[in-house]
PDB file of N, CA and C in Angstrom:
ATOM      1  N   UNK A   1    -113.656  38.894  63.771  1.00  0.00           N
ATOM      2  CA  UNK A   1    -114.224  39.140  65.077  1.00  0.00           C
ATOM      3  C   UNK A   1    -113.465  38.295  66.101  1.00  0.00           C
ATOM      4  N   UNK A   2    -113.109  38.872  67.215  1.00  0.00           N
ATOM      5  CA  UNK A   2    -112.354  38.181  68.261  1.00  0.00           C
ATOM      6  C   UNK A   2    -113.254  37.265  69.083  1.00  0.00           C
ATOM      7  N   UNK A   3    -112.648  36.253  69.644  1.00  0.00           N
ATOM      8  CA  UNK A   3    -113.374  35.358  70.538  1.00  0.00           C
ATOM      9  C   UNK A   3    -113.556  36.057  71.880  1.00  0.00           C
ATOM     10  N   UNK A   4    -114.758  36.020  72.387  1.00  0.00           N
ATOM     11  CA  UNK A   4    -115.071  36.560  73.708  1.00  0.00           C
ATOM     12  C   UNK A   4    -115.034  35.387  74.689  1.00  0.00           C
ATOM     13  N   UNK A   5    -114.083  35.425  75.620  1.00  0.00           N
ATOM     14  CA  UNK A   5    -113.955  34.361  76.608  1.00  0.00           C
ATOM     15  C   UNK A   5    -114.773  34.700  77.848  1.00  0.00           C
ATOM     16  N   UNK A   6    -115.346  33.690  78.464  1.00  0.00           N
ATOM     17  CA  UNK A   6    -116.223  33.886  79.628  1.00  0.00           C
ATOM     18  C   UNK A   6    -115.544  33.457  80.928  1.00  0.00           C
ATOM     19  N   UNK A   7    -114.223  33.443  80.964  1.00  0.00           N
ATOM     20  CA  UNK A   7    -113.492  32.898  82.105  1.00  0.00           C
ATOM     21  C   UNK A   7    -112.961  33.956  83.057  1.00  0.00           C
ATOM     22  N   UNK A   8    -113.110  35.219  82.723  1.00  0.00           N
ATOM     23  CA  UNK A   8    -112.605  36.291  83.579  1.00  0.00           C
ATOM     24  C   UNK A   8    -113.561  36.509  84.745  1.00  0.00           C
ATOM     25  N   UNK A   9    -113.009  36.813  85.914  1.00  0.00           N
ATOM     26  CA  UNK A   9    -113.829  37.067  87.101  1.00  0.00           C
ATOM     27  C   UNK A   9    -113.815  38.559  87.390  1.00  0.00           C
ATOM     28  N   UNK A  10    -114.873  39.238  87.036  1.00  0.00           N
ATOM     29  CA  UNK A  10    -114.973  40.672  87.290  1.00  0.00           C
ATOM     30  C   UNK A  10    -115.364  40.947  88.732  1.00  0.00           C
ATOM     31  N   UNK A  11    -115.905  39.953  89.400  1.00  0.00           N
ATOM     32  CA  UNK A  11    -116.412  40.100  90.753  1.00  0.00           C
ATOM     33  C   UNK A  11    -116.042  38.837  91.541  1.00  0.00           C
ATOM     34  N   UNK A  12    -115.514  38.948  92.751  1.00  0.00           N
ATOM     35  CA  UNK A  12    -115.146  37.751  93.517  1.00  0.00           C
ATOM     36  C   UNK A  12    -116.311  36.814  93.834  1.00  0.00           C
ATOM     37  N   UNK A  13    -117.528  37.293  93.695  1.00  0.00           N
ATOM     38  CA  UNK A  13    -118.706  36.444  93.925  1.00  0.00           C
ATOM     39  C   UNK A  13    -118.988  35.520  92.739  1.00  0.00           C
ATOM     40  N   UNK A  14    -118.404  35.823  91.587  1.00  0.00           N
ATOM     41  CA  UNK A  14    -118.593  34.978  90.414  1.00  0.00           C
ATOM     42  C   UNK A  14    -117.790  33.689  90.577  1.00  0.00           C
ATOM     43  N   UNK A  15    -118.300  32.588  90.041  1.00  0.00           N
ATOM     44  CA  UNK A  15    -117.562  31.329  90.166  1.00  0.00           C
ATOM     45  C   UNK A  15    -116.248  31.374  89.378  1.00  0.00           C
ATOM     46  N   UNK A  16    -115.250  30.661  89.885  1.00  0.00           N
ATOM     47  CA  UNK A  16    -113.968  30.548  89.199  1.00  0.00           C
ATOM     48  C   UNK A  16    -114.069  29.422  88.184  1.00  0.00           C
ATOM     49  N   UNK A  17    -114.301  29.781  86.945  1.00  0.00           N
ATOM     50  CA  UNK A  17    -114.464  28.798  85.874  1.00  0.00           C
ATOM     51  C   UNK A  17    -113.112  28.306  85.373  1.00  0.00           C
ATOM     52  N   UNK A  18    -112.116  29.183  85.354  1.00  0.00           N
ATOM     53  CA  UNK A  18    -110.853  28.876  84.696  1.00  0.00           C
ATOM     54  C   UNK A  18    -109.931  27.948  85.483  1.00  0.00           C
ATOM     55  N   UNK A  19    -109.756  28.166  86.761  1.00  0.00           N
ATOM     56  CA  UNK A  19    -108.759  27.405  87.531  1.00  0.00           C
ATOM     57  C   UNK A  19    -108.862  25.885  87.371  1.00  0.00           C
ATOM     58  N   UNK A  20    -110.048  25.295  87.460  1.00  0.00           N
ATOM     59  CA  UNK A  20    -110.129  23.833  87.351  1.00  0.00           C
ATOM     60  C   UNK A  20    -109.749  23.280  85.968  1.00  0.00           C
ATOM     61  N   UNK A  21    -109.773  24.118  84.939  1.00  0.00           N
ATOM     62  CA  UNK A  21    -109.502  23.629  83.578  1.00  0.00           C
ATOM     63  C   UNK A  21    -108.320  24.347  82.921  1.00  0.00           C
ATOM     64  N   UNK A  22    -107.583  25.127  83.685  1.00  0.00           N
ATOM     65  CA  UNK A  22    -106.516  25.976  83.139  1.00  0.00           C
ATOM     66  C   UNK A  22    -105.363  25.201  82.516  1.00  0.00           C
ATOM     67  N   UNK A  23    -105.232  23.923  82.808  1.00  0.00           N
ATOM     68  CA  UNK A  23    -104.127  23.136  82.252  1.00  0.00           C
ATOM     69  C   UNK A  23    -104.567  22.214  81.120  1.00  0.00           C
ATOM     70  N   UNK A  24    -105.787  22.391  80.664  1.00  0.00           N
ATOM     71  CA  UNK A  24    -106.285  21.597  79.537  1.00  0.00           C
ATOM     72  C   UNK A  24    -105.956  22.301  78.219  1.00  0.00           C
ATOM     73  N   UNK A  25    -105.866  21.545  77.126  1.00  0.00           N
ATOM     74  CA  UNK A  25    -105.557  22.167  75.832  1.00  0.00           C
ATOM     75  C   UNK A  25    -106.690  23.067  75.340  1.00  0.00           C
ATOM     76  N   UNK A  26    -106.299  24.090  74.615  1.00  0.00           N
ATOM     77  CA  UNK A  26    -107.246  25.007  73.983  1.00  0.00           C
ATOM     78  C   UNK A  26    -107.538  24.518  72.574  1.00  0.00           C
ATOM     79  N   UNK A  27    -108.804  24.390  72.256  1.00  0.00           N
ATOM     80  CA  UNK A  27    -109.227  24.015  70.910  1.00  0.00           C
ATOM     81  C   UNK A  27    -110.260  25.030  70.443  1.00  0.00           C
ATOM     82  N   UNK A  28    -110.111  25.487  69.214  1.00  0.00           N
ATOM     83  CA  UNK A  28    -111.078  26.403  68.611  1.00  0.00           C
ATOM     84  C   UNK A  28    -111.653  25.713  67.383  1.00  0.00           C
ATOM     85  N   UNK A  29    -112.985  25.708  67.297  1.00  0.00           N
ATOM     86  CA  UNK A  29    -113.660  25.086  66.165  1.00  0.00           C
ATOM     87  C   UNK A  29    -114.496  26.115  65.407  1.00  0.00           C
ATOM     88  N   UNK A  30    -114.732  25.802  64.144  1.00  0.00           N
ATOM     89  CA  UNK A  30    -115.576  26.678  63.329  1.00  0.00           C
ATOM     90  C   UNK A  30    -117.029  26.215  63.419  1.00  0.00           C
ATOM     91  N   UNK A  31    -117.885  26.826  62.641  1.00  0.00           N
ATOM     92  CA  UNK A  31    -119.319  26.527  62.686  1.00  0.00           C
ATOM     93  C   UNK A  31    -119.638  25.080  62.305  1.00  0.00           C
ATOM     94  N   UNK A  32    -118.723  24.429  61.581  1.00  0.00           N
ATOM     95  CA  UNK A  32    -118.925  23.042  61.160  1.00  0.00           C
ATOM     96  C   UNK A  32    -118.213  22.053  62.075  1.00  0.00           C
ATOM     97  N   UNK A  33    -117.725  22.554  63.229  1.00  0.00           N
ATOM     98  CA  UNK A  33    -117.020  21.751  64.238  1.00  0.00           C
ATOM     99  C   UNK A  33    -115.640  21.287  63.768  1.00  0.00           C
ATOM    100  N   UNK A  34    -115.097  21.934  62.725  1.00  0.00           N
ATOM    101  CA  UNK A  34    -113.736  21.656  62.290  1.00  0.00           C
ATOM    102  C   UNK A  34    -112.765  22.380  63.218  1.00  0.00           C
ATOM    103  N   UNK A  35    -111.702  21.719  63.614  1.00  0.00           N
ATOM    104  CA  UNK A  35    -110.695  22.348  64.464  1.00  0.00           C
ATOM    105  C   UNK A  35    -109.865  23.308  63.616  1.00  0.00           C
ATOM    106  N   UNK A  36    -109.862  24.581  64.016  1.00  0.00           N
ATOM    107  CA  UNK A  36    -109.083  25.586  63.288  1.00  0.00           C
ATOM    108  C   UNK A  36    -107.857  26.030  64.082  1.00  0.00           C
ATOM    109  N   UNK A  37    -107.821  25.676  65.376  1.00  0.00           N
ATOM    110  CA  UNK A  37    -106.677  26.025  66.217  1.00  0.00           C
ATOM    111  C   UNK A  37    -106.655  25.078  67.401  1.00  0.00           C
ATOM    112  N   UNK A  38    -105.452  24.612  67.744  1.00  0.00           N
ATOM    113  CA  UNK A  38    -105.291  23.713  68.877  1.00  0.00           C
ATOM    114  C   UNK A  38    -103.951  24.017  69.522  1.00  0.00           C
ATOM    115  N   UNK A  39    -103.923  24.142  70.843  1.00  0.00           N
ATOM    116  CA  UNK A  39    -102.678  24.464  71.533  1.00  0.00           C
ATOM    117  C   UNK A  39    -102.704  23.882  72.942  1.00  0.00           C
ATOM    118  N   UNK A  40    -101.588  23.278  73.340  1.00  0.00           N
ATOM    119  CA  UNK A  40    -101.451  22.778  74.700  1.00  0.00           C
ATOM    120  C   UNK A  40    -101.415  23.951  75.664  1.00  0.00           C
ATOM    121  N   UNK A  41    -101.782  23.681  76.892  1.00  0.00           N
ATOM    122  CA  UNK A  41    -101.753  24.725  77.920  1.00  0.00           C
ATOM    123  C   UNK A  41    -100.311  25.079  78.266  1.00  0.00           C
ATOM    124  N   UNK A  42    -100.060  26.335  78.574  1.00  0.00           N
ATOM    125  CA  UNK A  42     -98.736  26.711  79.060  1.00  0.00           C
ATOM    126  C   UNK A  42     -98.459  26.019  80.403  1.00  0.00           C
ATOM    127  N   UNK A  43     -97.209  25.946  80.785  1.00  0.00           N
ATOM    128  CA  UNK A  43     -96.822  25.252  82.024  1.00  0.00           C
ATOM    129  C   UNK A  43     -97.577  25.774  83.243  1.00  0.00           C
ATOM    130  N   UNK A  44     -97.801  27.076  83.306  1.00  0.00           N
ATOM    131  CA  UNK A  44     -98.510  27.674  84.445  1.00  0.00           C
ATOM    132  C   UNK A  44    -100.021  27.712  84.258  1.00  0.00           C
ATOM    133  N   UNK A  45    -100.514  27.193  83.152  1.00  0.00           N
ATOM    134  CA  UNK A  45    -101.946  27.196  82.876  1.00  0.00           C
ATOM    135  C   UNK A  45    -102.384  28.459  82.145  1.00  0.00           C
ATOM    136  N   UNK A  46    -103.580  28.389  81.606  1.00  0.00           N
ATOM    137  CA  UNK A  46    -104.140  29.514  80.858  1.00  0.00           C
ATOM    138  C   UNK A  46    -104.577  30.629  81.795  1.00  0.00           C
ATOM    139  N   UNK A  47    -104.463  31.848  81.297  1.00  0.00           N
ATOM    140  CA  UNK A  47    -105.041  33.028  81.940  1.00  0.00           C
ATOM    141  C   UNK A  47    -105.961  33.660  80.904  1.00  0.00           C
ATOM    142  N   UNK A  48    -106.867  34.519  81.321  1.00  0.00           N
ATOM    143  CA  UNK A  48    -107.708  35.196  80.327  1.00  0.00           C
ATOM    144  C   UNK A  48    -106.870  35.942  79.279  1.00  0.00           C
ATOM    145  N   UNK A  49    -105.802  36.605  79.698  1.00  0.00           N
ATOM    146  CA  UNK A  49    -104.959  37.341  78.757  1.00  0.00           C
ATOM    147  C   UNK A  49    -104.270  36.401  77.765  1.00  0.00           C
ATOM    148  N   UNK A  50    -103.752  35.270  78.234  1.00  0.00           N
ATOM    149  CA  UNK A  50    -103.111  34.316  77.323  1.00  0.00           C
ATOM    150  C   UNK A  50    -104.107  33.750  76.314  1.00  0.00           C
ATOM    151  N   UNK A  51    -105.320  33.450  76.763  1.00  0.00           N
ATOM    152  CA  UNK A  51    -106.341  32.944  75.844  1.00  0.00           C
ATOM    153  C   UNK A  51    -106.628  33.962  74.742  1.00  0.00           C
ATOM    154  N   UNK A  52    -106.794  35.214  75.127  1.00  0.00           N
ATOM    155  CA  UNK A  52    -107.072  36.264  74.145  1.00  0.00           C
ATOM    156  C   UNK A  52    -105.888  36.468  73.199  1.00  0.00           C
ATOM    157  N   UNK A  53    -104.678  36.472  73.752  1.00  0.00           N
ATOM    158  CA  UNK A  53    -103.485  36.691  72.937  1.00  0.00           C
ATOM    159  C   UNK A  53    -103.276  35.567  71.931  1.00  0.00           C
ATOM    160  N   UNK A  54    -103.452  34.339  72.365  1.00  0.00           N
ATOM    161  CA  UNK A  54    -103.207  33.186  71.486  1.00  0.00           C
ATOM    162  C   UNK A  54    -104.237  33.036  70.383  1.00  0.00           C
ATOM    163  N   UNK A  55    -105.392  33.649  70.554  1.00  0.00           N
ATOM    164  CA  UNK A  55    -106.445  33.517  69.542  1.00  0.00           C
ATOM    165  C   UNK A  55    -106.716  34.808  68.776  1.00  0.00           C
ATOM    166  N   UNK A  56    -105.962  35.850  69.055  1.00  0.00           N
ATOM    167  CA  UNK A  56    -106.207  37.156  68.425  1.00  0.00           C
ATOM    168  C   UNK A  56    -106.105  37.095  66.899  1.00  0.00           C
ATOM    169  N   UNK A  57    -105.311  36.187  66.382  1.00  0.00           N
ATOM    170  CA  UNK A  57    -105.128  36.082  64.931  1.00  0.00           C
ATOM    171  C   UNK A  57    -106.305  35.391  64.227  1.00  0.00           C
ATOM    172  N   UNK A  58    -107.193  34.783  64.987  1.00  0.00           N
ATOM    173  CA  UNK A  58    -108.339  34.078  64.409  1.00  0.00           C
ATOM    174  C   UNK A  58    -109.464  35.072  64.155  1.00  0.00           C
ATOM    175  N   UNK A  59    -109.761  35.306  62.902  1.00  0.00           N
ATOM    176  CA  UNK A  59    -110.739  36.338  62.558  1.00  0.00           C
ATOM    177  C   UNK A  59    -111.992  35.786  61.882  1.00  0.00           C
ATOM    178  N   UNK A  60    -112.060  34.484  61.709  1.00  0.00           N
ATOM    179  CA  UNK A  60    -113.238  33.875  61.107  1.00  0.00           C
ATOM    180  C   UNK A  60    -114.437  34.039  62.035  1.00  0.00           C
ATOM    181  N   UNK A  61    -115.599  34.271  61.481  1.00  0.00           N
ATOM    182  CA  UNK A  61    -116.796  34.363  62.323  1.00  0.00           C
ATOM    183  C   UNK A  61    -117.245  32.966  62.723  1.00  0.00           C
ATOM    184  N   UNK A  62    -118.102  32.902  63.713  1.00  0.00           N
ATOM    185  CA  UNK A  62    -118.685  31.654  64.205  1.00  0.00           C
ATOM    186  C   UNK A  62    -117.631  30.669  64.701  1.00  0.00           C
ATOM    187  N   UNK A  63    -116.827  31.105  65.649  1.00  0.00           N
ATOM    188  CA  UNK A  63    -115.835  30.239  66.283  1.00  0.00           C
ATOM    189  C   UNK A  63    -116.247  29.957  67.723  1.00  0.00           C
ATOM    190  N   UNK A  64    -115.952  28.753  68.182  1.00  0.00           N
ATOM    191  CA  UNK A  64    -116.166  28.375  69.572  1.00  0.00           C
ATOM    192  C   UNK A  64    -114.840  27.915  70.153  1.00  0.00           C
ATOM    193  N   UNK A  65    -114.573  28.281  71.410  1.00  0.00           N
ATOM    194  CA  UNK A  65    -113.331  27.919  72.082  1.00  0.00           C
ATOM    195  C   UNK A  65    -113.635  26.974  73.243  1.00  0.00           C
ATOM    196  N   UNK A  66    -112.749  25.990  73.420  1.00  0.00           N
ATOM    197  CA  UNK A  66    -112.900  24.985  74.463  1.00  0.00           C
ATOM    198  C   UNK A  66    -111.573  24.774  75.177  1.00  0.00           C
ATOM    199  N   UNK A  67    -111.641  24.572  76.470  1.00  0.00           N
ATOM    200  CA  UNK A  67    -110.505  24.053  77.225  1.00  0.00           C
ATOM    201  C   UNK A  67    -110.905  22.634  77.595  1.00  0.00           C
ATOM    202  N   UNK A  68    -110.210  21.670  77.007  1.00  0.00           N
ATOM    203  CA  UNK A  68    -110.673  20.295  77.105  1.00  0.00           C
ATOM    204  C   UNK A  68    -112.027  20.206  76.421  1.00  0.00           C
ATOM    205  N   UNK A  69    -113.013  19.699  77.117  1.00  0.00           N
ATOM    206  CA  UNK A  69    -114.378  19.620  76.566  1.00  0.00           C
ATOM    207  C   UNK A  69    -115.269  20.757  77.024  1.00  0.00           C
ATOM    208  N   UNK A  70    -114.717  21.659  77.836  1.00  0.00           N
ATOM    209  CA  UNK A  70    -115.504  22.755  78.419  1.00  0.00           C
ATOM    210  C   UNK A  70    -115.524  23.975  77.495  1.00  0.00           C
ATOM    211  N   UNK A  71    -116.710  24.401  77.089  1.00  0.00           N
ATOM    212  CA  UNK A  71    -116.860  25.590  76.260  1.00  0.00           C
ATOM    213  C   UNK A  71    -116.481  26.809  77.096  1.00  0.00           C
ATOM    214  N   UNK A  72    -115.589  27.664  76.558  1.00  0.00           N
ATOM    215  CA  UNK A  72    -115.125  28.822  77.317  1.00  0.00           C
ATOM    216  C   UNK A  72    -115.275  30.144  76.577  1.00  0.00           C
ATOM    217  N   UNK A  73    -115.759  30.110  75.327  1.00  0.00           N
ATOM    218  CA  UNK A  73    -115.933  31.362  74.611  1.00  0.00           C
ATOM    219  C   UNK A  73    -116.343  31.170  73.174  1.00  0.00           C
ATOM    220  N   UNK A  74    -116.684  32.293  72.547  1.00  0.00           N
ATOM    221  CA  UNK A  74    -117.199  32.243  71.188  1.00  0.00           C
ATOM    222  C   UNK A  74    -117.112  33.636  70.549  1.00  0.00           C
ATOM    223  N   UNK A  75    -117.165  33.658  69.247  1.00  0.00           N
ATOM    224  CA  UNK A  75    -117.303  34.933  68.553  1.00  0.00           C
ATOM    225  C   UNK A  75    -118.764  35.374  68.556  1.00  0.00           C
ATOM    226  N   UNK A  76    -119.645  34.495  68.977  1.00  0.00           N
ATOM    227  CA  UNK A  76    -121.076  34.760  68.940  1.00  0.00           C
ATOM    228  C   UNK A  76    -121.630  35.223  70.290  1.00  0.00           C
ATOM    229  N   UNK A  77    -120.786  35.461  71.281  1.00  0.00           N
ATOM    230  CA  UNK A  77    -121.261  35.878  72.611  1.00  0.00           C
ATOM    231  C   UNK A  77    -121.699  37.317  72.564  1.00  0.00           C
TER     232      UNK A  77
END
């Protein structure tokens, strides 16, 4: 199951969650809080498409994604 990220802005009235944390590292943890994936931010920062692309290979259930300490998505959303 793919990680569903909550950082995309479908409507300009929605808050911009991604910009303030776009240069922080991406960490994905499993249900036991073990790190299963970790990656530094690209030079231009994360985009919703880059986040999805970089984690597409992760198929384990019960994953949570973080940029720095900020939760940004999960397989459980």
